Amino acid sequence: MELDGPGGGLLHVRQQLQRPKGKPTLVPVKSRMGVRSIPLPSVTVLALRERQTAQQAERRLIGEEGWQADDLCVQF
């Protein structure tokens, strides 16, 4: 994910979440057409940055041992 572009950012789709037998698993997208970049408006970038800040505070409060997030949004 790129969040510093002019007027917003880009979300790069490279994997998808599937749940074979109920277990969440990241797998490559099904086709080459699935690999894409999606423009993000600046309001979305702001919301993602705010969520990242809140999540870091939650992680510090809970501690690494108790943290159970999937971290599906890669660090940006």
PDB file of N, CA and C in Angstrom:
ATOM      1  N   MET A   1       0.841  -1.158   0.000  1.00  0.00           N
ATOM      2  CA  MET A   1       0.000   0.000   0.000  1.00  0.00           C
ATOM      3  C   MET A   1       0.896   1.233   0.000  1.00  0.00           C
ATOM      4  N   GLU A   2       0.589   2.169  -0.838  1.00  0.00           N
ATOM      5  CA  GLU A   2       1.304   3.435  -0.898  1.00  0.00           C
ATOM      6  C   GLU A   2       0.347   4.531  -0.462  1.00  0.00           C
ATOM      7  N   LEU A   3       0.735   5.275   0.565  1.00  0.00           N
ATOM      8  CA  LEU A   3      -0.181   6.273   1.097  1.00  0.00           C
ATOM      9  C   LEU A   3       0.315   7.699   0.927  1.00  0.00           C
ATOM     10  N   ASP A   4       1.382   7.913   0.208  1.00  0.00           N
ATOM     11  CA  ASP A   4       1.930   9.249   0.097  1.00  0.00           C
ATOM     12  C   ASP A   4       1.807   9.845  -1.291  1.00  0.00           C
ATOM     13  N   GLY A   5       0.960   9.291  -2.142  1.00  0.00           N
ATOM     14  CA  GLY A   5       0.803   9.819  -3.492  1.00  0.00           C
ATOM     15  C   GLY A   5       0.036  11.128  -3.484  1.00  0.00           C
ATOM     16  N   PRO A   6       0.124  11.881  -4.564  1.00  0.00           N
ATOM     17  CA  PRO A   6      -0.623  13.135  -4.635  1.00  0.00           C
ATOM     18  C   PRO A   6      -2.135  12.866  -4.653  1.00  0.00           C
ATOM     19  N   GLY A   7      -2.843  13.441  -3.718  1.00  0.00           N
ATOM     20  CA  GLY A   7      -4.295  13.296  -3.688  1.00  0.00           C
ATOM     21  C   GLY A   7      -4.795  11.984  -3.133  1.00  0.00           C
ATOM     22  N   GLY A   8      -3.936  11.157  -2.585  1.00  0.00           N
ATOM     23  CA  GLY A   8      -4.389   9.888  -2.018  1.00  0.00           C
ATOM     24  C   GLY A   8      -3.300   8.849  -2.017  1.00  0.00           C
ATOM     25  N   GLY A   9      -3.664   7.621  -2.274  1.00  0.00           N
ATOM     26  CA  GLY A   9      -2.716   6.523  -2.247  1.00  0.00           C
ATOM     27  C   GLY A   9      -3.134   5.421  -3.191  1.00  0.00           C
ATOM     28  N   LEU A  10      -2.438   4.294  -3.095  1.00  0.00           N
ATOM     29  CA  LEU A  10      -2.741   3.128  -3.924  1.00  0.00           C
ATOM     30  C   LEU A  10      -2.785   1.881  -3.058  1.00  0.00           C
ATOM     31  N   LEU A  11      -3.781   1.053  -3.288  1.00  0.00           N
ATOM     32  CA  LEU A  11      -3.878  -0.255  -2.661  1.00  0.00           C
ATOM     33  C   LEU A  11      -3.495  -1.285  -3.715  1.00  0.00           C
ATOM     34  N   HIS A  12      -2.465  -2.077  -3.433  1.00  0.00           N
ATOM     35  CA  HIS A  12      -2.004  -3.091  -4.375  1.00  0.00           C
ATOM     36  C   HIS A  12      -2.588  -4.452  -3.975  1.00  0.00           C
ATOM     37  N   VAL A  13      -3.412  -5.016  -4.830  1.00  0.00           N
ATOM     38  CA  VAL A  13      -4.032  -6.320  -4.569  1.00  0.00           C
ATOM     39  C   VAL A  13      -3.127  -7.396  -5.150  1.00  0.00           C
ATOM     40  N   ARG A  14      -2.632  -8.274  -4.282  1.00  0.00           N
ATOM     41  CA  ARG A  14      -1.745  -9.360  -4.705  1.00  0.00           C
ATOM     42  C   ARG A  14      -2.191 -10.713  -4.162  1.00  0.00           C
ATOM     43  N   GLN A  15      -2.966 -10.692  -3.083  1.00  0.00           N
ATOM     44  CA  GLN A  15      -3.429 -11.917  -2.435  1.00  0.00           C
ATOM     45  C   GLN A  15      -4.897 -11.760  -2.081  1.00  0.00           C
ATOM     46  N   GLN A  16      -5.510 -12.881  -1.750  1.00  0.00           N
ATOM     47  CA  GLN A  16      -6.886 -12.863  -1.283  1.00  0.00           C
ATOM     48  C   GLN A  16      -6.997 -13.769  -0.066  1.00  0.00           C
ATOM     49  N   LEU A  17      -7.969 -13.489   0.775  1.00  0.00           N
ATOM     50  CA  LEU A  17      -8.207 -14.294   1.964  1.00  0.00           C
ATOM     51  C   LEU A  17      -9.263 -15.339   1.653  1.00  0.00           C
ATOM     52  N   GLN A  18      -8.920 -16.588   1.865  1.00  0.00           N
ATOM     53  CA  GLN A  18      -9.881 -17.686   1.719  1.00  0.00           C
ATOM     54  C   GLN A  18      -9.955 -18.430   3.044  1.00  0.00           C
ATOM     55  N   ARG A  19     -11.001 -19.186   3.225  1.00  0.00           N
ATOM     56  CA  ARG A  19     -11.184 -19.940   4.468  1.00  0.00           C
ATOM     57  C   ARG A  19     -11.427 -21.426   4.167  1.00  0.00           C
ATOM     58  N   PRO A  20     -10.412 -22.100   3.618  1.00  0.00           N
ATOM     59  CA  PRO A  20     -10.609 -23.538   3.396  1.00  0.00           C
ATOM     60  C   PRO A  20     -10.712 -24.250   4.744  1.00  0.00           C
ATOM     61  N   LYS A  21     -11.732 -25.058   4.902  1.00  0.00           N
ATOM     62  CA  LYS A  21     -11.984 -25.788   6.146  1.00  0.00           C
ATOM     63  C   LYS A  21     -12.087 -24.844   7.336  1.00  0.00           C
ATOM     64  N   GLY A  22     -12.525 -23.586   7.075  1.00  0.00           N
ATOM     65  CA  GLY A  22     -12.737 -22.627   8.149  1.00  0.00           C
ATOM     66  C   GLY A  22     -11.498 -21.901   8.636  1.00  0.00           C
ATOM     67  N   LYS A  23     -10.331 -22.265   8.123  1.00  0.00           N
ATOM     68  CA  LYS A  23      -9.089 -21.628   8.572  1.00  0.00           C
ATOM     69  C   LYS A  23      -8.698 -20.514   7.602  1.00  0.00           C
ATOM     70  N   PRO A  24      -8.595 -19.249   8.087  1.00  0.00           N
ATOM     71  CA  PRO A  24      -8.216 -18.151   7.190  1.00  0.00           C
ATOM     72  C   PRO A  24      -6.818 -18.360   6.612  1.00  0.00           C
ATOM     73  N   THR A  25      -6.713 -18.245   5.287  1.00  0.00           N
ATOM     74  CA  THR A  25      -5.448 -18.465   4.592  1.00  0.00           C
ATOM     75  C   THR A  25      -5.299 -17.445   3.474  1.00  0.00           C
ATOM     76  N   LEU A  26      -4.123 -16.816   3.393  1.00  0.00           N
ATOM     77  CA  LEU A  26      -3.832 -15.910   2.286  1.00  0.00           C
ATOM     78  C   LEU A  26      -3.296 -16.717   1.113  1.00  0.00           C
ATOM     79  N   VAL A  27      -3.893 -16.499  -0.054  1.00  0.00           N
ATOM     80  CA  VAL A  27      -3.474 -17.205  -1.266  1.00  0.00           C
ATOM     81  C   VAL A  27      -3.339 -16.180  -2.396  1.00  0.00           C
ATOM     82  N   PRO A  28      -2.570 -16.496  -3.438  1.00  0.00           N
ATOM     83  CA  PRO A  28      -2.495 -15.571  -4.579  1.00  0.00           C
ATOM     84  C   PRO A  28      -3.876 -15.386  -5.205  1.00  0.00           C
ATOM     85  N   VAL A  29      -4.086 -14.239  -5.854  1.00  0.00           N
ATOM     86  CA  VAL A  29      -5.356 -14.023  -6.549  1.00  0.00           C
ATOM     87  C   VAL A  29      -5.507 -15.079  -7.640  1.00  0.00           C
ATOM     88  N   LYS A  30      -6.737 -15.311  -8.067  1.00  0.00           N
ATOM     89  CA  LYS A  30      -7.018 -16.430  -8.967  1.00  0.00           C
ATOM     90  C   LYS A  30      -6.481 -16.252 -10.381  1.00  0.00           C
ATOM     91  N   SER A  31      -6.364 -15.004 -10.826  1.00  0.00           N
ATOM     92  CA  SER A  31      -5.916 -14.790 -12.199  1.00  0.00           C
ATOM     93  C   SER A  31      -5.012 -13.562 -12.267  1.00  0.00           C
ATOM     94  N   ARG A  32      -4.331 -13.393 -13.377  1.00  0.00           N
ATOM     95  CA  ARG A  32      -3.489 -12.206 -13.558  1.00  0.00           C
ATOM     96  C   ARG A  32      -4.325 -10.940 -13.535  1.00  0.00           C
ATOM     97  N   MET A  33      -5.571 -11.040 -13.978  1.00  0.00           N
ATOM     98  CA  MET A  33      -6.465  -9.878 -13.955  1.00  0.00           C
ATOM     99  C   MET A  33      -6.766  -9.435 -12.519  1.00  0.00           C
ATOM    100  N   GLY A  34      -6.650 -10.361 -11.572  1.00  0.00           N
ATOM    101  CA  GLY A  34      -6.913 -10.029 -10.173  1.00  0.00           C
ATOM    102  C   GLY A  34      -5.828  -9.185  -9.544  1.00  0.00           C
ATOM    103  N   VAL A  35      -4.625  -9.244 -10.088  1.00  0.00           N
ATOM    104  CA  VAL A  35      -3.524  -8.415  -9.594  1.00  0.00           C
ATOM    105  C   VAL A  35      -3.748  -7.010 -10.120  1.00  0.00           C
ATOM    106  N   ARG A  36      -3.948  -6.058  -9.211  1.00  0.00           N
ATOM    107  CA  ARG A  36      -4.269  -4.709  -9.649  1.00  0.00           C
ATOM    108  C   ARG A  36      -3.916  -3.709  -8.555  1.00  0.00           C
ATOM    109  N   SER A  37      -3.942  -2.456  -8.919  1.00  0.00           N
ATOM    110  CA  SER A  37      -3.750  -1.366  -7.970  1.00  0.00           C
ATOM    111  C   SER A  37      -4.991  -0.490  -8.005  1.00  0.00           C
ATOM    112  N   ILE A  38      -5.506  -0.170  -6.831  1.00  0.00           N
ATOM    113  CA  ILE A  38      -6.743   0.591  -6.714  1.00  0.00           C
ATOM    114  C   ILE A  38      -6.424   1.938  -6.078  1.00  0.00           C
ATOM    115  N   PRO A  39      -6.798   3.042  -6.733  1.00  0.00           N
ATOM    116  CA  PRO A  39      -6.546   4.359  -6.143  1.00  0.00           C
ATOM    117  C   PRO A  39      -7.381   4.558  -4.877  1.00  0.00           C
ATOM    118  N   LEU A  40      -6.756   5.162  -3.863  1.00  0.00           N
ATOM    119  CA  LEU A  40      -7.445   5.465  -2.618  1.00  0.00           C
ATOM    120  C   LEU A  40      -7.549   6.983  -2.462  1.00  0.00           C
ATOM    121  N   PRO A  41      -8.738   7.506  -2.222  1.00  0.00           N
ATOM    122  CA  PRO A  41      -8.863   8.949  -2.012  1.00  0.00           C
ATOM    123  C   PRO A  41      -8.206   9.360  -0.688  1.00  0.00           C
ATOM    124  N   SER A  42      -7.872  10.630  -0.574  1.00  0.00           N
ATOM    125  CA  SER A  42      -7.163  11.108   0.610  1.00  0.00           C
ATOM    126  C   SER A  42      -7.945  10.872   1.897  1.00  0.00           C
ATOM    127  N   VAL A  43      -9.277  10.917   1.860  1.00  0.00           N
ATOM    128  CA  VAL A  43     -10.066  10.666   3.071  1.00  0.00           C
ATOM    129  C   VAL A  43      -9.872   9.222   3.541  1.00  0.00           C
ATOM    130  N   THR A  44      -9.713   8.285   2.623  1.00  0.00           N
ATOM    131  CA  THR A  44      -9.464   6.892   2.979  1.00  0.00           C
ATOM    132  C   THR A  44      -8.074   6.732   3.568  1.00  0.00           C
ATOM    133  N   VAL A  45      -7.091   7.411   2.976  1.00  0.00           N
ATOM    134  CA  VAL A  45      -5.725   7.369   3.495  1.00  0.00           C
ATOM    135  C   VAL A  45      -5.704   7.897   4.930  1.00  0.00           C
ATOM    136  N   LEU A  46      -6.401   8.991   5.187  1.00  0.00           N
ATOM    137  CA  LEU A  46      -6.472   9.561   6.529  1.00  0.00           C
ATOM    138  C   LEU A  46      -7.088   8.558   7.505  1.00  0.00           C
ATOM    139  N   ALA A  47      -8.177   7.911   7.110  1.00  0.00           N
ATOM    140  CA  ALA A  47      -8.839   6.918   7.970  1.00  0.00           C
ATOM    141  C   ALA A  47      -7.907   5.739   8.257  1.00  0.00           C
ATOM    142  N   LEU A  48      -7.156   5.288   7.253  1.00  0.00           N
ATOM    143  CA  LEU A  48      -6.216   4.181   7.456  1.00  0.00           C
ATOM    144  C   LEU A  48      -5.090   4.576   8.415  1.00  0.00           C
ATOM    145  N   ARG A  49      -4.585   5.783   8.281  1.00  0.00           N
ATOM    146  CA  ARG A  49      -3.534   6.256   9.198  1.00  0.00           C
ATOM    147  C   ARG A  49      -4.070   6.359  10.633  1.00  0.00           C
ATOM    148  N   GLU A  50      -5.287   6.864  10.799  1.00  0.00           N
ATOM    149  CA  GLU A  50      -5.886   6.966  12.132  1.00  0.00           C
ATOM    150  C   GLU A  50      -6.099   5.580  12.734  1.00  0.00           C
ATOM    151  N   ARG A  51      -6.546   4.644  11.911  1.00  0.00           N
ATOM    152  CA  ARG A  51      -6.757   3.270  12.403  1.00  0.00           C
ATOM    153  C   ARG A  51      -5.434   2.631  12.798  1.00  0.00           C
ATOM    154  N   GLN A  52      -4.385   2.886  12.022  1.00  0.00           N
ATOM    155  CA  GLN A  52      -3.073   2.334  12.342  1.00  0.00           C
ATOM    156  C   GLN A  52      -2.582   2.863  13.694  1.00  0.00           C
ATOM    157  N   THR A  53      -2.757   4.150  13.937  1.00  0.00           N
ATOM    158  CA  THR A  53      -2.352   4.739  15.210  1.00  0.00           C
ATOM    159  C   THR A  53      -3.129   4.118  16.367  1.00  0.00           C
ATOM    160  N   ALA A  54      -4.445   3.965  16.205  1.00  0.00           N
ATOM    161  CA  ALA A  54      -5.276   3.354  17.243  1.00  0.00           C
ATOM    162  C   ALA A  54      -4.874   1.904  17.480  1.00  0.00           C
ATOM    163  N   GLN A  55      -4.582   1.177  16.409  1.00  0.00           N
ATOM    164  CA  GLN A  55      -4.211  -0.228  16.538  1.00  0.00           C
ATOM    165  C   GLN A  55      -2.864  -0.373  17.251  1.00  0.00           C
ATOM    166  N   GLN A  56      -1.926   0.515  16.986  1.00  0.00           N
ATOM    167  CA  GLN A  56      -0.639   0.464  17.686  1.00  0.00           C
ATOM    168  C   GLN A  56      -0.835   0.690  19.185  1.00  0.00           C
ATOM    169  N   ALA A  57      -1.716   1.615  19.555  1.00  0.00           N
ATOM    170  CA  ALA A  57      -2.007   1.857  20.966  1.00  0.00           C
ATOM    171  C   ALA A  57      -2.656   0.628  21.604  1.00  0.00           C
ATOM    172  N   GLU A  58      -3.600  -0.005  20.898  1.00  0.00           N
ATOM    173  CA  GLU A  58      -4.248  -1.223  21.401  1.00  0.00           C
ATOM    174  C   GLU A  58      -3.227  -2.331  21.607  1.00  0.00           C
ATOM    175  N   ARG A  59      -2.322  -2.471  20.658  1.00  0.00           N
ATOM    176  CA  ARG A  59      -1.297  -3.518  20.730  1.00  0.00           C
ATOM    177  C   ARG A  59      -0.400  -3.301  21.946  1.00  0.00           C
ATOM    178  N   ARG A  60      -0.003  -2.038  22.203  1.00  0.00           N
ATOM    179  CA  ARG A  60       0.829  -1.739  23.377  1.00  0.00           C
ATOM    180  C   ARG A  60       0.066  -2.044  24.662  1.00  0.00           C
ATOM    181  N   LEU A  61      -1.214  -1.694  24.699  1.00  0.00           N
ATOM    182  CA  LEU A  61      -2.035  -1.917  25.885  1.00  0.00           C
ATOM    183  C   LEU A  61      -2.203  -3.410  26.178  1.00  0.00           C
ATOM    184  N   ILE A  62      -2.482  -4.180  25.154  1.00  0.00           N
ATOM    185  CA  ILE A  62      -2.724  -5.619  25.317  1.00  0.00           C
ATOM    186  C   ILE A  62      -1.418  -6.388  25.513  1.00  0.00           C
ATOM    187  N   GLY A  63      -0.379  -5.983  24.783  1.00  0.00           N
ATOM    188  CA  GLY A  63       0.898  -6.698  24.844  1.00  0.00           C
ATOM    189  C   GLY A  63       0.998  -7.689  23.705  1.00  0.00           C
ATOM    190  N   GLU A  64       2.216  -7.966  23.286  1.00  0.00           N
ATOM    191  CA  GLU A  64       2.454  -8.868  22.148  1.00  0.00           C
ATOM    192  C   GLU A  64       1.897 -10.267  22.397  1.00  0.00           C
ATOM    193  N   GLU A  65       1.969 -10.744  23.625  1.00  0.00           N
ATOM    194  CA  GLU A  65       1.505 -12.117  23.918  1.00  0.00           C
ATOM    195  C   GLU A  65      -0.004 -12.259  23.720  1.00  0.00           C
ATOM    196  N   GLY A  66      -0.754 -11.187  24.021  1.00  0.00           N
ATOM    197  CA  GLY A  66      -2.201 -11.248  23.909  1.00  0.00           C
ATOM    198  C   GLY A  66      -2.752 -10.749  22.585  1.00  0.00           C
ATOM    199  N   TRP A  67      -1.879 -10.196  21.734  1.00  0.00           N
ATOM    200  CA  TRP A  67      -2.324  -9.604  20.474  1.00  0.00           C
ATOM    201  C   TRP A  67      -2.754 -10.691  19.508  1.00  0.00           C
ATOM    202  N   GLN A  68      -3.975 -10.588  18.930  1.00  0.00           N
ATOM    203  CA  GLN A  68      -4.494 -11.628  18.061  1.00  0.00           C
ATOM    204  C   GLN A  68      -4.997 -11.092  16.721  1.00  0.00           C
ATOM    205  N   ALA A  69      -4.532  -9.947  16.289  1.00  0.00           N
ATOM    206  CA  ALA A  69      -4.969  -9.412  15.001  1.00  0.00           C
ATOM    207  C   ALA A  69      -4.323 -10.172  13.858  1.00  0.00           C
ATOM    208  N   ASP A  70      -4.982 -10.200  12.719  1.00  0.00           N
ATOM    209  CA  ASP A  70      -4.461 -10.884  11.527  1.00  0.00           C
ATOM    210  C   ASP A  70      -3.431 -10.047  10.781  1.00  0.00           C
ATOM    211  N   ASP A  71      -3.348  -8.748  11.084  1.00  0.00           N
ATOM    212  CA  ASP A  71      -2.429  -7.848  10.375  1.00  0.00           C
ATOM    213  C   ASP A  71      -2.591  -7.951   8.867  1.00  0.00           C
ATOM    214  N   LEU A  72      -3.820  -7.920   8.379  1.00  0.00           N
ATOM    215  CA  LEU A  72      -4.070  -8.055   6.950  1.00  0.00           C
ATOM    216  C   LEU A  72      -3.679  -6.804   6.180  1.00  0.00           C
ATOM    217  N   CYS A  73      -3.688  -5.655   6.809  1.00  0.00           N
ATOM    218  CA  CYS A  73      -3.160  -4.454   6.163  1.00  0.00           C
ATOM    219  C   CYS A  73      -1.678  -4.407   6.460  1.00  0.00           C
ATOM    220  N   VAL A  74      -0.895  -4.491   5.423  1.00  0.00           N
ATOM    221  CA  VAL A  74       0.549  -4.491   5.589  1.00  0.00           C
ATOM    222  C   VAL A  74       0.989  -3.134   6.114  1.00  0.00           C
ATOM    223  N   GLN A  75       2.076  -3.122   6.861  1.00  0.00           N
ATOM    224  CA  GLN A  75       2.626  -1.866   7.365  1.00  0.00           C
ATOM    225  C   GLN A  75       2.808  -0.873   6.243  1.00  0.00           C
ATOM    226  N   PHE A  76       2.476   0.349   6.470  1.00  0.00           N
ATOM    227  CA  PHE A  76       2.688   1.385   5.480  1.00  0.00           C
ATOM    228  C   PHE A  76       3.353   2.553   6.131  1.00  0.00           C
TER     229      PHE A  76
END
